[in-house]
PDB file of N, CA and C in Angstrom:
ATOM      1  N   MET A   1     -17.814  45.851  44.297  1.00  0.00           N
ATOM      2  CA  MET A   1     -19.153  45.523  43.853  1.00  0.00           C
ATOM      3  C   MET A   1     -19.151  44.142  43.221  1.00  0.00           C
ATOM      4  N   GLU A   2     -20.007  43.284  43.652  1.00  0.00           N
ATOM      5  CA  GLU A   2     -20.122  41.954  43.081  1.00  0.00           C
ATOM      6  C   GLU A   2     -21.187  41.961  41.993  1.00  0.00           C
ATOM      7  N   VAL A   3     -20.896  41.258  40.898  1.00  0.00           N
ATOM      8  CA  VAL A   3     -21.801  41.239  39.758  1.00  0.00           C
ATOM      9  C   VAL A   3     -22.233  39.802  39.491  1.00  0.00           C
ATOM     10  N   PRO A   4     -23.550  39.506  39.582  1.00  0.00           N
ATOM     11  CA  PRO A   4     -23.996  38.152  39.241  1.00  0.00           C
ATOM     12  C   PRO A   4     -24.034  37.990  37.727  1.00  0.00           C
ATOM     13  N   LEU A   5     -23.642  36.820  37.253  1.00  0.00           N
ATOM     14  CA  LEU A   5     -23.648  36.519  35.825  1.00  0.00           C
ATOM     15  C   LEU A   5     -24.224  35.132  35.645  1.00  0.00           C
ATOM     16  N   SER A   6     -25.205  34.999  34.756  1.00  0.00           N
ATOM     17  CA  SER A   6     -25.843  33.718  34.505  1.00  0.00           C
ATOM     18  C   SER A   6     -25.234  33.079  33.267  1.00  0.00           C
ATOM     19  N   SER A   7     -24.845  31.827  33.387  1.00  0.00           N
ATOM     20  CA  SER A   7     -24.248  31.106  32.277  1.00  0.00           C
ATOM     21  C   SER A   7     -24.623  29.636  32.380  1.00  0.00           C
ATOM     22  N   LYS A   8     -25.217  29.102  31.325  1.00  0.00           N
ATOM     23  CA  LYS A   8     -25.588  27.687  31.281  1.00  0.00           C
ATOM     24  C   LYS A   8     -26.398  27.270  32.505  1.00  0.00           C
ATOM     25  N   ARG A   9     -27.393  28.088  32.845  1.00  0.00           N
ATOM     26  CA  ARG A   9     -28.316  27.814  33.952  1.00  0.00           C
ATOM     27  C   ARG A   9     -27.649  27.832  35.322  1.00  0.00           C
ATOM     28  N   ARG A  10     -26.446  28.392  35.407  1.00  0.00           N
ATOM     29  CA  ARG A  10     -25.768  28.538  36.694  1.00  0.00           C
ATOM     30  C   ARG A  10     -25.488  30.014  36.907  1.00  0.00           C
ATOM     31  N   VAL A  11     -25.601  30.441  38.133  1.00  0.00           N
ATOM     32  CA  VAL A  11     -25.325  31.835  38.453  1.00  0.00           C
ATOM     33  C   VAL A  11     -23.965  31.915  39.130  1.00  0.00           C
ATOM     34  N   HIS A  12     -23.118  32.782  38.616  1.00  0.00           N
ATOM     35  CA  HIS A  12     -21.793  33.015  39.178  1.00  0.00           C
ATOM     36  C   HIS A  12     -21.753  34.443  39.703  1.00  0.00           C
ATOM     37  N   VAL A  13     -20.991  34.694  40.730  1.00  0.00           N
ATOM     38  CA  VAL A  13     -20.815  36.048  41.252  1.00  0.00           C
ATOM     39  C   VAL A  13     -19.334  36.394  41.186  1.00  0.00           C
ATOM     40  N   PHE A  14     -19.033  37.516  40.525  1.00  0.00           N
ATOM     41  CA  PHE A  14     -17.652  37.951  40.340  1.00  0.00           C
ATOM     42  C   PHE A  14     -17.474  39.346  40.907  1.00  0.00           C
ATOM     43  N   ASP A  15     -16.278  39.628  41.376  1.00  0.00           N
ATOM     44  CA  ASP A  15     -16.015  40.970  41.886  1.00  0.00           C
ATOM     45  C   ASP A  15     -15.354  41.860  40.844  1.00  0.00           C
ATOM     46  N   CYS A  16     -15.028  41.297  39.666  1.00  0.00           N
ATOM     47  CA  CYS A  16     -14.495  42.138  38.580  1.00  0.00           C
ATOM     48  C   CYS A  16     -14.834  41.511  37.230  1.00  0.00           C
ATOM     49  N   PHE A  17     -14.883  42.357  36.230  1.00  0.00           N
ATOM     50  CA  PHE A  17     -15.231  41.929  34.884  1.00  0.00           C
ATOM     51  C   PHE A  17     -14.194  40.962  34.326  1.00  0.00           C
ATOM     52  N   ALA A  18     -12.913  41.187  34.601  1.00  0.00           N
ATOM     53  CA  ALA A  18     -11.850  40.317  34.095  1.00  0.00           C
ATOM     54  C   ALA A  18     -12.027  38.883  34.598  1.00  0.00           C
ATOM     55  N   CYS A  19     -12.416  38.721  35.850  1.00  0.00           N
ATOM     56  CA  CYS A  19     -12.647  37.377  36.398  1.00  0.00           C
ATOM     57  C   CYS A  19     -13.838  36.708  35.712  1.00  0.00           C
ATOM     58  N   ALA A  20     -14.873  37.485  35.426  1.00  0.00           N
ATOM     59  CA  ALA A  20     -16.053  36.950  34.741  1.00  0.00           C
ATOM     60  C   ALA A  20     -15.686  36.466  33.342  1.00  0.00           C
ATOM     61  N   ILE A  21     -14.883  37.240  32.624  1.00  0.00           N
ATOM     62  CA  ILE A  21     -14.450  36.834  31.287  1.00  0.00           C
ATOM     63  C   ILE A  21     -13.647  35.544  31.374  1.00  0.00           C
ATOM     64  N   HIS A  22     -12.683  35.507  32.274  1.00  0.00           N
ATOM     65  CA  HIS A  22     -11.818  34.341  32.402  1.00  0.00           C
ATOM     66  C   HIS A  22     -12.619  33.069  32.668  1.00  0.00           C
ATOM     67  N   ARG A  23     -13.664  33.175  33.473  1.00  0.00           N
ATOM     68  CA  ARG A  23     -14.433  31.999  33.871  1.00  0.00           C
ATOM     69  C   ARG A  23     -15.504  31.589  32.869  1.00  0.00           C
ATOM     70  N   THR A  24     -16.103  32.556  32.149  1.00  0.00           N
ATOM     71  CA  THR A  24     -17.298  32.218  31.369  1.00  0.00           C
ATOM     72  C   THR A  24     -17.205  32.430  29.865  1.00  0.00           C
ATOM     73  N   ALA A  25     -16.224  33.177  29.358  1.00  0.00           N
ATOM     74  CA  ALA A  25     -16.162  33.438  27.915  1.00  0.00           C
ATOM     75  C   ALA A  25     -15.810  32.163  27.151  1.00  0.00           C
ATOM     76  N   PRO A  26     -16.526  31.896  26.055  1.00  0.00           N
ATOM     77  CA  PRO A  26     -16.207  30.709  25.266  1.00  0.00           C
ATOM     78  C   PRO A  26     -14.872  30.892  24.528  1.00  0.00           C
ATOM     79  N   LEU A  27     -14.263  29.780  24.124  1.00  0.00           N
ATOM     80  CA  LEU A  27     -13.000  29.829  23.387  1.00  0.00           C
ATOM     81  C   LEU A  27     -13.232  29.610  21.902  1.00  0.00           C
ATOM     82  N   CYS A  28     -12.463  30.323  21.086  1.00  0.00           N
ATOM     83  CA  CYS A  28     -12.469  30.092  19.642  1.00  0.00           C
ATOM     84  C   CYS A  28     -11.933  28.677  19.405  1.00  0.00           C
ATOM     85  N   GLU A  29     -12.622  27.911  18.586  1.00  0.00           N
ATOM     86  CA  GLU A  29     -12.221  26.532  18.341  1.00  0.00           C
ATOM     87  C   GLU A  29     -10.985  26.424  17.462  1.00  0.00           C
ATOM     88  N   HIS A  30     -10.558  27.533  16.852  1.00  0.00           N
ATOM     89  CA  HIS A  30      -9.351  27.504  16.017  1.00  0.00           C
ATOM     90  C   HIS A  30      -8.128  28.046  16.759  1.00  0.00           C
ATOM     91  N   CYS A  31      -8.202  29.289  17.220  1.00  0.00           N
ATOM     92  CA  CYS A  31      -7.020  29.926  17.833  1.00  0.00           C
ATOM     93  C   CYS A  31      -7.039  29.897  19.360  1.00  0.00           C
ATOM     94  N   ARG A  32      -8.144  29.434  19.961  1.00  0.00           N
ATOM     95  CA  ARG A  32      -8.291  29.276  21.411  1.00  0.00           C
ATOM     96  C   ARG A  32      -8.334  30.585  22.196  1.00  0.00           C
ATOM     97  N   VAL A  33      -8.553  31.726  21.533  1.00  0.00           N
ATOM     98  CA  VAL A  33      -8.698  32.997  22.234  1.00  0.00           C
ATOM     99  C   VAL A  33     -10.094  33.051  22.855  1.00  0.00           C
ATOM    100  N   GLN A  34     -10.228  33.734  23.993  1.00  0.00           N
ATOM    101  CA  GLN A  34     -11.546  33.884  24.599  1.00  0.00           C
ATOM    102  C   GLN A  34     -12.353  34.879  23.778  1.00  0.00           C
ATOM    103  N   ILE A  35     -13.587  34.515  23.470  1.00  0.00           N
ATOM    104  CA  ILE A  35     -14.461  35.351  22.649  1.00  0.00           C
ATOM    105  C   ILE A  35     -15.216  36.297  23.567  1.00  0.00           C
ATOM    106  N   ILE A  36     -14.930  37.586  23.424  1.00  0.00           N
ATOM    107  CA  ILE A  36     -15.567  38.621  24.230  1.00  0.00           C
ATOM    108  C   ILE A  36     -16.387  39.480  23.276  1.00  0.00           C
ATOM    109  N   GLY A  37     -17.678  39.567  23.507  1.00  0.00           N
ATOM    110  CA  GLY A  37     -18.533  40.336  22.605  1.00  0.00           C
ATOM    111  C   GLY A  37     -18.946  39.462  21.434  1.00  0.00           C
ATOM    112  N   GLN A  38     -18.753  39.972  20.233  1.00  0.00           N
ATOM    113  CA  GLN A  38     -19.175  39.245  19.046  1.00  0.00           C
ATOM    114  C   GLN A  38     -18.176  38.183  18.658  1.00  0.00           C
ATOM    115  N   GLY A  39     -18.683  37.048  18.306  1.00  0.00           N
ATOM    116  CA  GLY A  39     -17.919  35.987  17.679  1.00  0.00           C
ATOM    117  C   GLY A  39     -18.773  35.514  16.525  1.00  0.00           C
ATOM    118  N   VAL A  40     -18.403  34.422  15.910  1.00  0.00           N
ATOM    119  CA  VAL A  40     -19.235  33.864  14.848  1.00  0.00           C
ATOM    120  C   VAL A  40     -19.511  32.402  15.172  1.00  0.00           C
ATOM    121  N   GLU A  41     -20.672  31.938  14.750  1.00  0.00           N
ATOM    122  CA  GLU A  41     -21.041  30.544  14.930  1.00  0.00           C
ATOM    123  C   GLU A  41     -21.403  29.977  13.576  1.00  0.00           C
ATOM    124  N   ALA A  42     -20.788  28.855  13.225  1.00  0.00           N
ATOM    125  CA  ALA A  42     -21.083  28.186  11.963  1.00  0.00           C
ATOM    126  C   ALA A  42     -21.220  26.695  12.230  1.00  0.00           C
ATOM    127  N   ASP A  43     -22.333  26.137  11.853  1.00  0.00           N
ATOM    128  CA  ASP A  43     -22.592  24.711  12.064  1.00  0.00           C
ATOM    129  C   ASP A  43     -22.395  24.296  13.518  1.00  0.00           C
ATOM    130  N   GLY A  44     -22.746  25.178  14.448  1.00  0.00           N
ATOM    131  CA  GLY A  44     -22.627  24.866  15.863  1.00  0.00           C
ATOM    132  C   GLY A  44     -21.228  25.026  16.435  1.00  0.00           C
ATOM    133  N   HIS A  45     -20.288  25.573  15.664  1.00  0.00           N
ATOM    134  CA  HIS A  45     -18.909  25.774  16.114  1.00  0.00           C
ATOM    135  C   HIS A  45     -18.654  27.267  16.321  1.00  0.00           C
ATOM    136  N   LEU A  46     -17.991  27.622  17.427  1.00  0.00           N
ATOM    137  CA  LEU A  46     -17.723  29.022  17.760  1.00  0.00           C
ATOM    138  C   LEU A  46     -16.314  29.427  17.338  1.00  0.00           C
ATOM    139  N   HIS A  47     -16.225  30.614  16.745  1.00  0.00           N
ATOM    140  CA  HIS A  47     -14.935  31.170  16.352  1.00  0.00           C
ATOM    141  C   HIS A  47     -14.927  32.659  16.680  1.00  0.00           C
ATOM    142  N   CYS A  48     -13.722  33.211  16.831  1.00  0.00           N
ATOM    143  CA  CYS A  48     -13.614  34.635  17.175  1.00  0.00           C
ATOM    144  C   CYS A  48     -13.928  35.523  15.976  1.00  0.00           C
ATOM    145  N   GLY A  49     -13.757  35.040  14.765  1.00  0.00           N
ATOM    146  CA  GLY A  49     -14.043  35.831  13.580  1.00  0.00           C
ATOM    147  C   GLY A  49     -14.063  34.957  12.332  1.00  0.00           C
ATOM    148  N   ALA A  50     -14.278  35.609  11.193  1.00  0.00           N
ATOM    149  CA  ALA A  50     -14.399  34.891   9.923  1.00  0.00           C
ATOM    150  C   ALA A  50     -13.110  34.163   9.542  1.00  0.00           C
ATOM    151  N   HIS A  51     -11.958  34.764   9.822  1.00  0.00           N
ATOM    152  CA  HIS A  51     -10.688  34.136   9.454  1.00  0.00           C
ATOM    153  C   HIS A  51     -10.556  32.747  10.091  1.00  0.00           C
ATOM    154  N   CYS A  52     -10.823  32.653  11.377  1.00  0.00           N
ATOM    155  CA  CYS A  52     -10.718  31.369  12.069  1.00  0.00           C
ATOM    156  C   CYS A  52     -11.793  30.396  11.587  1.00  0.00           C
ATOM    157  N   SER A  53     -12.965  30.905  11.282  1.00  0.00           N
ATOM    158  CA  SER A  53     -14.040  30.052  10.776  1.00  0.00           C
ATOM    159  C   SER A  53     -13.636  29.437   9.433  1.00  0.00           C
ATOM    160  N   ARG A  54     -13.085  30.257   8.543  1.00  0.00           N
ATOM    161  CA  ARG A  54     -12.635  29.744   7.245  1.00  0.00           C
ATOM    162  C   ARG A  54     -11.467  28.772   7.411  1.00  0.00           C
ATOM    163  N   ALA A  55     -10.576  29.058   8.341  1.00  0.00           N
ATOM    164  CA  ALA A  55      -9.427  28.180   8.577  1.00  0.00           C
ATOM    165  C   ALA A  55      -9.863  26.795   9.046  1.00  0.00           C
ATOM    166  N   GLU A  56     -11.030  26.708   9.642  1.00  0.00           N
ATOM    167  CA  GLU A  56     -11.578  25.430  10.100  1.00  0.00           C
ATOM    168  C   GLU A  56     -12.480  24.789   9.054  1.00  0.00           C
ATOM    169  N   GLY A  57     -12.496  25.346   7.830  1.00  0.00           N
ATOM    170  CA  GLY A  57     -13.270  24.745   6.751  1.00  0.00           C
ATOM    171  C   GLY A  57     -14.715  25.148   6.691  1.00  0.00           C
ATOM    172  N   ARG A  58     -15.049  26.290   7.266  1.00  0.00           N
ATOM    173  CA  ARG A  58     -16.418  26.807   7.218  1.00  0.00           C
ATOM    174  C   ARG A  58     -16.421  28.108   6.439  1.00  0.00           C
ATOM    175  N   PRO A  59     -16.527  28.048   5.123  1.00  0.00           N
ATOM    176  CA  PRO A  59     -16.433  29.243   4.285  1.00  0.00           C
ATOM    177  C   PRO A  59     -17.672  30.115   4.354  1.00  0.00           C
ATOM    178  N   GLY A  60     -18.266  30.837   4.006  1.00  0.00           N
ATOM    179  CA  GLY A  60     -19.488  31.580   4.079  1.00  0.00           C
ATOM    180  C   GLY A  60     -19.589  32.642   5.152  1.00  0.00           C
ATOM    181  N   ILE A  61     -18.653  32.695   6.085  1.00  0.00           N
ATOM    182  CA  ILE A  61     -18.697  33.721   7.147  1.00  0.00           C
ATOM    183  C   ILE A  61     -17.878  34.907   6.687  1.00  0.00           C
ATOM    184  N   ILE A  62     -18.458  36.103   6.790  1.00  0.00           N
ATOM    185  CA  ILE A  62     -17.769  37.329   6.382  1.00  0.00           C
ATOM    186  C   ILE A  62     -17.819  38.306   7.549  1.00  0.00           C
ATOM    187  N   ASP A  63     -16.647  38.842   7.930  1.00  0.00           N
ATOM    188  CA  ASP A  63     -16.618  39.870   8.978  1.00  0.00           C
ATOM    189  C   ASP A  63     -17.176  41.164   8.418  1.00  0.00           C
ATOM    190  N   LYS A  64     -17.996  41.841   9.178  1.00  0.00           N
ATOM    191  CA  LYS A  64     -18.551  43.149   8.801  1.00  0.00           C
ATOM    192  C   LYS A  64     -17.972  44.208   9.704  1.00  0.00           C
ATOM    193  N   ALA A  65     -17.654  45.337   9.151  1.00  0.00           N
ATOM    194  CA  ALA A  65     -17.100  46.444   9.956  1.00  0.00           C
ATOM    195  C   ALA A  65     -18.212  47.280  10.514  1.00  0.00           C
TER     196      ALA A  65
END
């Protein structure tokens, strides 16, 4: 089954979810892990969680369980 995915005004078609993640998931600006699901954004910068955000000098982000 092919799944269309829209990203940045472009449509991509993938035959598996893993390929879609590899091609379109943003990277954490601190640890470079692909952000799947929730991440955090502070001052226009993307991070996988509060720890990486604080490590980059953006304090105020708190992870919630």
